[in-house]
């Protein structure tokens, strides 16, 4: 009896995790289109695309807010 219960629980867990991984991969595939304008500064680019300035500082190796 215990073995049957354990097998049922394992099958349920495997199916549940499989469904969860499918939903996660679907969310990852929905990439956001970036708004790019050749005349924008880095700060304007960040505002137009709702990006945090911290992210841009790390991506472009900026030291302080004046570099934005």
C-alpha atoms as a PDB file:
ATOM      1  CA  UNK A   1       0.000   0.000   0.000  1.00  0.00           C
ATOM      2  CA  UNK A   2       2.812   2.392   0.878  1.00  0.00           C
ATOM      3  CA  UNK A   3       4.568   1.707  -2.410  1.00  0.00           C
ATOM      4  CA  UNK A   4       1.468   2.507  -4.441  1.00  0.00           C
ATOM      5  CA  UNK A   5       1.020   5.782  -2.559  1.00  0.00           C
ATOM      6  CA  UNK A   6       4.665   6.727  -3.104  1.00  0.00           C
ATOM      7  CA  UNK A   7       4.432   5.903  -6.820  1.00  0.00           C
ATOM      8  CA  UNK A   8       1.273   8.015  -7.179  1.00  0.00           C
ATOM      9  CA  UNK A   9       2.929  10.920  -5.361  1.00  0.00           C
ATOM     10  CA  UNK A  10       6.030  10.691  -7.564  1.00  0.00           C
ATOM     11  CA  UNK A  11       3.972  10.625 -10.760  1.00  0.00           C
ATOM     12  CA  UNK A  12       1.928  13.607  -9.566  1.00  0.00           C
ATOM     13  CA  UNK A  13       5.090  15.547  -8.702  1.00  0.00           C
ATOM     14  CA  UNK A  14       6.688  14.793 -12.069  1.00  0.00           C
ATOM     15  CA  UNK A  15       3.576  15.905 -13.962  1.00  0.00           C
ATOM     16  CA  UNK A  16       3.272  19.052 -11.842  1.00  0.00           C
ATOM     17  CA  UNK A  17       6.914  20.022 -12.355  1.00  0.00           C
ATOM     18  CA  UNK A  18       6.633  19.367 -16.098  1.00  0.00           C
ATOM     19  CA  UNK A  19       3.637  21.695 -16.367  1.00  0.00           C
ATOM     20  CA  UNK A  20       5.401  24.361 -14.312  1.00  0.00           C
ATOM     21  CA  UNK A  21       8.512  24.229 -16.496  1.00  0.00           C
ATOM     22  CA  UNK A  22       6.396  24.652 -19.641  1.00  0.00           C
ATOM     23  CA  UNK A  23       4.778  27.783 -18.212  1.00  0.00           C
ATOM     24  CA  UNK A  24       8.152  29.227 -17.210  1.00  0.00           C
ATOM     25  CA  UNK A  25       9.610  28.640 -20.671  1.00  0.00           C
ATOM     26  CA  UNK A  26       6.578  30.324 -22.262  1.00  0.00           C
ATOM     27  CA  UNK A  27       7.167  33.439 -20.159  1.00  0.00           C
ATOM     28  CA  UNK A  28      10.837  33.563 -21.152  1.00  0.00           C
ATOM     29  CA  UNK A  29       9.985  33.443 -24.846  1.00  0.00           C
ATOM     30  CA  UNK A  30       7.969  36.662 -24.663  1.00  0.00           C
ATOM     31  CA  UNK A  31      10.802  39.117 -25.228  1.00  0.00           C
ATOM     32  CA  UNK A  32      10.088  42.827 -24.898  1.00  0.00           C
ATOM     33  CA  UNK A  33      10.802  45.075 -27.870  1.00  0.00           C
ATOM     34  CA  UNK A  34      13.247  47.848 -26.984  1.00  0.00           C
ATOM     35  CA  UNK A  35      12.705  51.427 -28.105  1.00  0.00           C
ATOM     36  CA  UNK A  36      15.932  52.625 -29.695  1.00  0.00           C
ATOM     37  CA  UNK A  37      16.527  56.155 -30.960  1.00  0.00           C
ATOM     38  CA  UNK A  38      19.931  57.095 -32.311  1.00  0.00           C
ATOM     39  CA  UNK A  39      19.836  60.544 -30.662  1.00  0.00           C
ATOM     40  CA  UNK A  40      18.889  59.340 -27.167  1.00  0.00           C
ATOM     41  CA  UNK A  41      21.281  59.419 -24.270  1.00  0.00           C
ATOM     42  CA  UNK A  42      21.640  56.329 -22.098  1.00  0.00           C
ATOM     43  CA  UNK A  43      19.323  57.902 -19.529  1.00  0.00           C
ATOM     44  CA  UNK A  44      16.631  58.623 -22.170  1.00  0.00           C
ATOM     45  CA  UNK A  45      16.983  55.056 -23.454  1.00  0.00           C
ATOM     46  CA  UNK A  46      16.450  53.756 -19.917  1.00  0.00           C
ATOM     47  CA  UNK A  47      13.332  55.871 -19.379  1.00  0.00           C
ATOM     48  CA  UNK A  48      11.814  54.947 -22.764  1.00  0.00           C
ATOM     49  CA  UNK A  49      12.255  51.239 -22.028  1.00  0.00           C
ATOM     50  CA  UNK A  50      11.474  51.336 -18.283  1.00  0.00           C
ATOM     51  CA  UNK A  51      14.951  50.064 -17.393  1.00  0.00           C
ATOM     52  CA  UNK A  52      16.486  50.748 -13.976  1.00  0.00           C
ATOM     53  CA  UNK A  53      19.561  52.975 -14.069  1.00  0.00           C
ATOM     54  CA  UNK A  54      21.408  50.411 -11.925  1.00  0.00           C
ATOM     55  CA  UNK A  55      21.130  47.924 -14.766  1.00  0.00           C
ATOM     56  CA  UNK A  56      22.551  50.389 -17.278  1.00  0.00           C
ATOM     57  CA  UNK A  57      25.393  51.353 -14.951  1.00  0.00           C
ATOM     58  CA  UNK A  58      26.427  47.708 -14.781  1.00  0.00           C
ATOM     59  CA  UNK A  59      25.917  47.046 -18.508  1.00  0.00           C
ATOM     60  CA  UNK A  60      27.886  50.095 -19.677  1.00  0.00           C
ATOM     61  CA  UNK A  61      30.390  50.223 -16.822  1.00  0.00           C
ATOM     62  CA  UNK A  62      29.268  53.651 -15.623  1.00  0.00           C
ATOM     63  CA  UNK A  63      30.524  55.048 -12.317  1.00  0.00           C
ATOM     64  CA  UNK A  64      27.835  57.540 -11.288  1.00  0.00           C
ATOM     65  CA  UNK A  65      24.569  59.221 -12.342  1.00  0.00           C
ATOM     66  CA  UNK A  66      26.351  61.921 -14.339  1.00  0.00           C
ATOM     67  CA  UNK A  67      27.601  59.243 -16.761  1.00  0.00           C
ATOM     68  CA  UNK A  68      24.006  58.429 -17.685  1.00  0.00           C
END
